[in-house]
Amino acid sequence: MSMTNNVYIIDLIESIERLHYKYRTEFGIQLAPHGVTPTEASLLLLLASSETAPSLKEIGAAQTADTPPSRLLRSLRDRKLVRQTRDKLDERIWRFTLTAQGKRMADVVQKCKVDLAKQWGRDLSKGSLGPTVKLLRQLSTGL
Protein backbone atom coordinates (compact mmCIF):
# COMPACT_ATOMS: atom_id res chain seq x y z
CA MET A 1 0.00 0.00 0.00
CA SER A 2 1.40 3.35 -1.01
CA MET A 3 1.97 6.29 1.29
CA THR A 4 -0.77 8.19 -0.55
CA ASN A 5 -3.30 5.44 0.20
CA ASN A 6 -2.25 5.50 3.85
CA VAL A 7 -2.95 9.23 3.97
CA TYR A 8 -6.38 8.67 2.39
CA ILE A 9 -7.17 5.98 4.94
CA ILE A 10 -6.14 8.23 7.82
CA ASP A 11 -8.29 11.05 6.37
CA LEU A 12 -11.21 8.63 6.04
CA ILE A 13 -10.86 7.46 9.61
CA GLU A 14 -10.73 11.04 10.88
CA SER A 15 -13.81 11.95 8.83
CA ILE A 16 -15.75 9.02 10.22
CA GLU A 17 -14.65 9.87 13.75
CA ARG A 18 -15.86 13.46 13.29
CA LEU A 19 -19.20 12.22 11.97
CA HIS A 20 -19.55 9.80 14.88
CA TYR A 21 -18.79 12.57 17.37
CA LYS A 22 -21.32 14.87 15.68
CA TYR A 23 -23.95 12.12 15.70
CA ARG A 24 -23.37 11.32 19.40
CA THR A 25 -23.54 15.02 20.25
CA GLU A 26 -26.81 15.50 18.38
CA PHE A 27 -28.23 12.28 19.85
CA GLY A 28 -27.29 13.54 23.32
CA ILE A 29 -29.07 16.84 22.66
CA GLN A 30 -32.24 14.98 21.64
CA LEU A 31 -32.05 12.72 24.70
CA ALA A 32 -31.25 15.46 27.25
CA PRO A 33 -34.89 16.51 27.86
CA HIS A 34 -35.62 12.89 28.77
CA GLY A 35 -32.75 12.67 31.27
CA VAL A 36 -30.89 9.91 29.40
CA THR A 37 -27.35 9.92 28.03
CA PRO A 38 -26.42 8.28 24.71
CA THR A 39 -24.62 5.51 26.62
CA GLU A 40 -27.67 4.83 28.80
CA ALA A 41 -29.84 4.97 25.69
CA SER A 42 -27.73 2.26 24.04
CA LEU A 43 -28.14 0.07 27.11
CA LEU A 44 -31.92 0.65 27.19
CA LEU A 45 -32.16 -0.37 23.53
CA LEU A 46 -30.01 -3.43 24.16
CA LEU A 47 -32.30 -4.53 26.99
CA ALA A 48 -35.41 -3.76 24.94
CA SER A 49 -34.16 -5.96 22.11
CA SER A 50 -33.04 -8.86 24.32
CA GLU A 51 -35.17 -11.99 24.08
CA THR A 52 -34.00 -13.12 27.51
CA ALA A 53 -32.84 -11.15 30.53
CA PRO A 54 -29.09 -10.71 30.01
CA SER A 55 -26.55 -11.02 32.78
CA LEU A 56 -24.03 -8.34 33.67
CA LYS A 57 -21.35 -10.33 31.82
CA GLU A 58 -23.51 -10.58 28.68
CA ILE A 59 -24.29 -6.87 28.79
CA GLY A 60 -20.61 -6.06 29.23
CA ALA A 61 -19.73 -8.17 26.18
CA ALA A 62 -22.37 -6.41 24.07
CA GLN A 63 -21.59 -2.84 25.20
CA THR A 64 -18.85 -0.75 23.64
CA ALA A 65 -19.07 2.13 26.12
CA ASP A 66 -16.20 3.24 28.30
CA THR A 67 -18.51 3.43 31.31
CA PRO A 68 -18.65 0.12 33.21
CA PRO A 69 -22.02 -1.58 32.64
CA SER A 70 -22.46 -2.09 36.38
CA ARG A 71 -22.47 1.69 36.91
CA LEU A 72 -24.90 2.27 34.04
CA LEU A 73 -27.21 -0.47 35.29
CA ARG A 74 -27.11 0.89 38.84
CA SER A 75 -28.05 4.35 37.59
CA LEU A 76 -30.93 2.98 35.50
CA ARG A 77 -32.07 0.73 38.33
CA ASP A 78 -32.05 3.63 40.81
CA ARG A 79 -34.28 5.56 38.39
CA LYS A 80 -36.67 2.58 38.18
CA LEU A 81 -35.93 1.94 34.49
CA VAL A 82 -34.26 -1.45 35.02
CA ARG A 83 -35.16 -4.39 37.23
CA GLN A 84 -32.42 -6.58 38.67
CA THR A 85 -33.25 -10.21 39.59
CA ARG A 86 -31.30 -13.34 40.46
CA ASP A 87 -30.86 -16.05 37.86
CA LYS A 88 -33.19 -18.98 38.60
CA LEU A 89 -30.51 -21.61 38.00
CA ASP A 90 -27.48 -19.84 39.43
CA GLU A 91 -28.21 -17.31 42.15
CA ARG A 92 -24.72 -15.81 41.83
CA ILE A 93 -25.79 -14.29 38.51
CA TRP A 94 -27.88 -11.12 38.22
CA ARG A 95 -30.27 -10.70 35.29
CA PHE A 96 -31.57 -7.37 34.02
CA THR A 97 -34.86 -6.41 32.37
CA LEU A 98 -36.66 -3.18 31.67
CA THR A 99 -39.46 -2.08 33.96
CA ALA A 100 -42.66 -0.71 32.40
CA GLN A 101 -41.17 2.77 32.80
CA GLY A 102 -37.92 1.52 31.22
CA LYS A 103 -39.84 0.14 28.23
CA ARG A 104 -41.51 3.52 27.74
CA MET A 105 -38.13 5.22 27.94
CA ALA A 106 -36.68 2.74 25.41
CA ASP A 107 -39.54 3.67 23.07
CA VAL A 108 -38.67 7.36 23.52
CA VAL A 109 -35.01 6.60 22.83
CA GLN A 110 -35.91 4.64 19.70
CA LYS A 111 -38.05 7.54 18.47
CA CYS A 112 -35.17 9.96 19.06
CA LYS A 113 -32.88 7.63 17.15
CA VAL A 114 -35.32 7.37 14.22
CA ASP A 115 -35.86 11.14 14.17
CA LEU A 116 -32.11 11.72 14.12
CA ALA A 117 -31.67 9.16 11.32
CA LYS A 118 -34.32 10.99 9.30
CA GLN A 119 -32.58 14.31 9.94
CA TRP A 120 -29.21 12.88 8.99
CA GLY A 121 -30.78 11.36 5.88
CA ARG A 122 -31.84 14.84 4.83
CA ASP A 123 -28.38 16.14 5.71
CA LEU A 124 -26.73 13.37 3.74
CA SER A 125 -28.81 14.13 0.67
CA LYS A 126 -27.49 17.70 0.91
CA GLY A 127 -23.94 16.38 0.64
CA SER A 128 -22.61 16.72 4.19
CA LEU A 129 -20.76 13.44 3.70
CA GLY A 130 -19.14 14.66 0.51
CA PRO A 131 -15.56 14.57 1.78
CA THR A 132 -15.97 11.04 3.15
CA VAL A 133 -17.59 9.77 -0.04
CA LYS A 134 -14.83 11.38 -2.09
CA LEU A 135 -12.18 9.63 0.01
CA LEU A 136 -13.97 6.29 -0.35
CA ARG A 137 -14.07 6.71 -4.11
CA GLN A 138 -10.36 7.58 -4.20
CA LEU A 139 -9.58 4.53 -2.09
CA SER A 140 -11.66 2.22 -4.25
CA THR A 141 -9.87 3.33 -7.43
CA GLY A 142 -6.43 3.41 -5.84
CA LEU A 143 -6.38 -0.04 -4.23
C-alpha atoms as a PDB file:
ATOM      1  CA  MET A   1       0.000   0.000   0.000  1.00  0.00           C
ATOM      2  CA  SER A   2       1.396   3.349  -1.006  1.00  0.00           C
ATOM      3  CA  MET A   3       1.973   6.288   1.291  1.00  0.00           C
ATOM      4  CA  THR A   4      -0.768   8.190  -0.551  1.00  0.00           C
ATOM      5  CA  ASN A   5      -3.300   5.442   0.199  1.00  0.00           C
ATOM      6  CA  ASN A   6      -2.255   5.503   3.846  1.00  0.00           C
ATOM      7  CA  VAL A   7      -2.950   9.234   3.967  1.00  0.00           C
ATOM      8  CA  TYR A   8      -6.382   8.672   2.393  1.00  0.00           C
ATOM      9  CA  ILE A   9      -7.169   5.976   4.943  1.00  0.00           C
ATOM     10  CA  ILE A  10      -6.144   8.234   7.817  1.00  0.00           C
ATOM     11  CA  ASP A  11      -8.294  11.048   6.371  1.00  0.00           C
ATOM     12  CA  LEU A  12     -11.209   8.628   6.035  1.00  0.00           C
ATOM     13  CA  ILE A  13     -10.855   7.461   9.611  1.00  0.00           C
ATOM     14  CA  GLU A  14     -10.725  11.042  10.878  1.00  0.00           C
ATOM     15  CA  SER A  15     -13.808  11.951   8.831  1.00  0.00           C
ATOM     16  CA  ILE A  16     -15.751   9.021  10.216  1.00  0.00           C
ATOM     17  CA  GLU A  17     -14.646   9.872  13.752  1.00  0.00           C
ATOM     18  CA  ARG A  18     -15.857  13.463  13.291  1.00  0.00           C
ATOM     19  CA  LEU A  19     -19.201  12.216  11.970  1.00  0.00           C
ATOM     20  CA  HIS A  20     -19.550   9.801  14.876  1.00  0.00           C
ATOM     21  CA  TYR A  21     -18.794  12.566  17.366  1.00  0.00           C
ATOM     22  CA  LYS A  22     -21.319  14.870  15.680  1.00  0.00           C
ATOM     23  CA  TYR A  23     -23.953  12.124  15.702  1.00  0.00           C
ATOM     24  CA  ARG A  24     -23.369  11.317  19.398  1.00  0.00           C
ATOM     25  CA  THR A  25     -23.543  15.023  20.252  1.00  0.00           C
ATOM     26  CA  GLU A  26     -26.812  15.499  18.379  1.00  0.00           C
ATOM     27  CA  PHE A  27     -28.234  12.285  19.854  1.00  0.00           C
ATOM     28  CA  GLY A  28     -27.292  13.543  23.319  1.00  0.00           C
ATOM     29  CA  ILE A  29     -29.066  16.837  22.659  1.00  0.00           C
ATOM     30  CA  GLN A  30     -32.241  14.981  21.638  1.00  0.00           C
ATOM     31  CA  LEU A  31     -32.047  12.721  24.704  1.00  0.00           C
ATOM     32  CA  ALA A  32     -31.255  15.456  27.250  1.00  0.00           C
ATOM     33  CA  PRO A  33     -34.888  16.514  27.859  1.00  0.00           C
ATOM     34  CA  HIS A  34     -35.624  12.887  28.773  1.00  0.00           C
ATOM     35  CA  GLY A  35     -32.752  12.665  31.267  1.00  0.00           C
ATOM     36  CA  VAL A  36     -30.893   9.914  29.397  1.00  0.00           C
ATOM     37  CA  THR A  37     -27.349   9.916  28.034  1.00  0.00           C
ATOM     38  CA  PRO A  38     -26.422   8.276  24.714  1.00  0.00           C
ATOM     39  CA  THR A  39     -24.620   5.509  26.616  1.00  0.00           C
ATOM     40  CA  GLU A  40     -27.669   4.830  28.799  1.00  0.00           C
ATOM     41  CA  ALA A  41     -29.838   4.969  25.687  1.00  0.00           C
ATOM     42  CA  SER A  42     -27.735   2.257  24.041  1.00  0.00           C
ATOM     43  CA  LEU A  43     -28.144   0.072  27.113  1.00  0.00           C
ATOM     44  CA  LEU A  44     -31.917   0.647  27.192  1.00  0.00           C
ATOM     45  CA  LEU A  45     -32.162  -0.366  23.530  1.00  0.00           C
ATOM     46  CA  LEU A  46     -30.013  -3.429  24.163  1.00  0.00           C
ATOM     47  CA  LEU A  47     -32.303  -4.529  26.994  1.00  0.00           C
ATOM     48  CA  ALA A  48     -35.409  -3.761  24.935  1.00  0.00           C
ATOM     49  CA  SER A  49     -34.161  -5.959  22.108  1.00  0.00           C
ATOM     50  CA  SER A  50     -33.039  -8.864  24.316  1.00  0.00           C
ATOM     51  CA  GLU A  51     -35.172 -11.990  24.084  1.00  0.00           C
ATOM     52  CA  THR A  52     -33.999 -13.120  27.507  1.00  0.00           C
ATOM     53  CA  ALA A  53     -32.843 -11.149  30.530  1.00  0.00           C
ATOM     54  CA  PRO A  54     -29.094 -10.707  30.007  1.00  0.00           C
ATOM     55  CA  SER A  55     -26.545 -11.021  32.777  1.00  0.00           C
ATOM     56  CA  LEU A  56     -24.026  -8.341  33.665  1.00  0.00           C
ATOM     57  CA  LYS A  57     -21.351 -10.331  31.822  1.00  0.00           C
ATOM     58  CA  GLU A  58     -23.508 -10.583  28.684  1.00  0.00           C
ATOM     59  CA  ILE A  59     -24.291  -6.867  28.790  1.00  0.00           C
ATOM     60  CA  GLY A  60     -20.613  -6.059  29.229  1.00  0.00           C
ATOM     61  CA  ALA A  61     -19.731  -8.170  26.185  1.00  0.00           C
ATOM     62  CA  ALA A  62     -22.368  -6.413  24.070  1.00  0.00           C
ATOM     63  CA  GLN A  63     -21.592  -2.844  25.195  1.00  0.00           C
ATOM     64  CA  THR A  64     -18.855  -0.752  23.637  1.00  0.00           C
ATOM     65  CA  ALA A  65     -19.074   2.126  26.117  1.00  0.00           C
ATOM     66  CA  ASP A  66     -16.197   3.245  28.295  1.00  0.00           C
ATOM     67  CA  THR A  67     -18.512   3.430  31.305  1.00  0.00           C
ATOM     68  CA  PRO A  68     -18.652   0.124  33.210  1.00  0.00           C
ATOM     69  CA  PRO A  69     -22.023  -1.581  32.636  1.00  0.00           C
ATOM     70  CA  SER A  70     -22.461  -2.085  36.380  1.00  0.00           C
ATOM     71  CA  ARG A  71     -22.466   1.691  36.908  1.00  0.00           C
ATOM     72  CA  LEU A  72     -24.901   2.274  34.044  1.00  0.00           C
ATOM     73  CA  LEU A  73     -27.214  -0.465  35.293  1.00  0.00           C
ATOM     74  CA  ARG A  74     -27.113   0.892  38.838  1.00  0.00           C
ATOM     75  CA  SER A  75     -28.053   4.348  37.585  1.00  0.00           C
ATOM     76  CA  LEU A  76     -30.929   2.983  35.499  1.00  0.00           C
ATOM     77  CA  ARG A  77     -32.069   0.732  38.332  1.00  0.00           C
ATOM     78  CA  ASP A  78     -32.053   3.627  40.808  1.00  0.00           C
ATOM     79  CA  ARG A  79     -34.276   5.560  38.394  1.00  0.00           C
ATOM     80  CA  LYS A  80     -36.672   2.583  38.178  1.00  0.00           C
ATOM     81  CA  LEU A  81     -35.930   1.937  34.494  1.00  0.00           C
ATOM     82  CA  VAL A  82     -34.256  -1.446  35.023  1.00  0.00           C
ATOM     83  CA  ARG A  83     -35.161  -4.388  37.232  1.00  0.00           C
ATOM     84  CA  GLN A  84     -32.422  -6.579  38.668  1.00  0.00           C
ATOM     85  CA  THR A  85     -33.245 -10.208  39.586  1.00  0.00           C
ATOM     86  CA  ARG A  86     -31.302 -13.336  40.460  1.00  0.00           C
ATOM     87  CA  ASP A  87     -30.861 -16.048  37.864  1.00  0.00           C
ATOM     88  CA  LYS A  88     -33.192 -18.978  38.601  1.00  0.00           C
ATOM     89  CA  LEU A  89     -30.509 -21.610  38.001  1.00  0.00           C
ATOM     90  CA  ASP A  90     -27.478 -19.837  39.431  1.00  0.00           C
ATOM     91  CA  GLU A  91     -28.207 -17.305  42.155  1.00  0.00           C
ATOM     92  CA  ARG A  92     -24.723 -15.810  41.827  1.00  0.00           C
ATOM     93  CA  ILE A  93     -25.793 -14.285  38.507  1.00  0.00           C
ATOM     94  CA  TRP A  94     -27.875 -11.120  38.222  1.00  0.00           C
ATOM     95  CA  ARG A  95     -30.267 -10.698  35.295  1.00  0.00           C
ATOM     96  CA  PHE A  96     -31.574  -7.372  34.018  1.00  0.00           C
ATOM     97  CA  THR A  97     -34.860  -6.415  32.370  1.00  0.00           C
ATOM     98  CA  LEU A  98     -36.660  -3.182  31.673  1.00  0.00           C
ATOM     99  CA  THR A  99     -39.456  -2.077  33.956  1.00  0.00           C
ATOM    100  CA  ALA A 100     -42.659  -0.705  32.397  1.00  0.00           C
ATOM    101  CA  GLN A 101     -41.166   2.770  32.801  1.00  0.00           C
ATOM    102  CA  GLY A 102     -37.921   1.516  31.222  1.00  0.00           C
ATOM    103  CA  LYS A 103     -39.842   0.137  28.229  1.00  0.00           C
ATOM    104  CA  ARG A 104     -41.514   3.515  27.743  1.00  0.00           C
ATOM    105  CA  MET A 105     -38.127   5.217  27.938  1.00  0.00           C
ATOM    106  CA  ALA A 106     -36.681   2.736  25.413  1.00  0.00           C
ATOM    107  CA  ASP A 107     -39.545   3.673  23.071  1.00  0.00           C
ATOM    108  CA  VAL A 108     -38.672   7.362  23.520  1.00  0.00           C
ATOM    109  CA  VAL A 109     -35.010   6.603  22.832  1.00  0.00           C
ATOM    110  CA  GLN A 110     -35.913   4.637  19.703  1.00  0.00           C
ATOM    111  CA  LYS A 111     -38.055   7.543  18.474  1.00  0.00           C
ATOM    112  CA  CYS A 112     -35.165   9.961  19.063  1.00  0.00           C
ATOM    113  CA  LYS A 113     -32.877   7.629  17.149  1.00  0.00           C
ATOM    114  CA  VAL A 114     -35.319   7.371  14.216  1.00  0.00           C
ATOM    115  CA  ASP A 115     -35.857  11.138  14.174  1.00  0.00           C
ATOM    116  CA  LEU A 116     -32.108  11.716  14.116  1.00  0.00           C
ATOM    117  CA  ALA A 117     -31.668   9.162  11.321  1.00  0.00           C
ATOM    118  CA  LYS A 118     -34.317  10.993   9.296  1.00  0.00           C
ATOM    119  CA  GLN A 119     -32.577  14.308   9.940  1.00  0.00           C
ATOM    120  CA  TRP A 120     -29.214  12.880   8.989  1.00  0.00           C
ATOM    121  CA  GLY A 121     -30.782  11.361   5.884  1.00  0.00           C
ATOM    122  CA  ARG A 122     -31.838  14.838   4.832  1.00  0.00           C
ATOM    123  CA  ASP A 123     -28.385  16.144   5.709  1.00  0.00           C
ATOM    124  CA  LEU A 124     -26.728  13.367   3.742  1.00  0.00           C
ATOM    125  CA  SER A 125     -28.808  14.130   0.668  1.00  0.00           C
ATOM    126  CA  LYS A 126     -27.492  17.699   0.911  1.00  0.00           C
ATOM    127  CA  GLY A 127     -23.936  16.377   0.639  1.00  0.00           C
ATOM    128  CA  SER A 128     -22.606  16.722   4.185  1.00  0.00           C
ATOM    129  CA  LEU A 129     -20.763  13.436   3.703  1.00  0.00           C
ATOM    130  CA  GLY A 130     -19.142  14.655   0.514  1.00  0.00           C
ATOM    131  CA  PRO A 131     -15.558  14.570   1.783  1.00  0.00           C
ATOM    132  CA  THR A 132     -15.972  11.042   3.152  1.00  0.00           C
ATOM    133  CA  VAL A 133     -17.591   9.773  -0.036  1.00  0.00           C
ATOM    134  CA  LYS A 134     -14.833  11.380  -2.087  1.00  0.00           C
ATOM    135  CA  LEU A 135     -12.177   9.632   0.007  1.00  0.00           C
ATOM    136  CA  LEU A 136     -13.969   6.294  -0.353  1.00  0.00           C
ATOM    137  CA  ARG A 137     -14.069   6.714  -4.113  1.00  0.00           C
ATOM    138  CA  GLN A 138     -10.359   7.582  -4.204  1.00  0.00           C
ATOM    139  CA  LEU A 139      -9.575   4.525  -2.090  1.00  0.00           C
ATOM    140  CA  SER A 140     -11.665   2.222  -4.253  1.00  0.00           C
ATOM    141  CA  THR A 141      -9.871   3.325  -7.431  1.00  0.00           C
ATOM    142  CA  GLY A 142      -6.428   3.411  -5.838  1.00  0.00           C
ATOM    143  CA  LEU A 143      -6.376  -0.042  -4.229  1.00  0.00           C
END
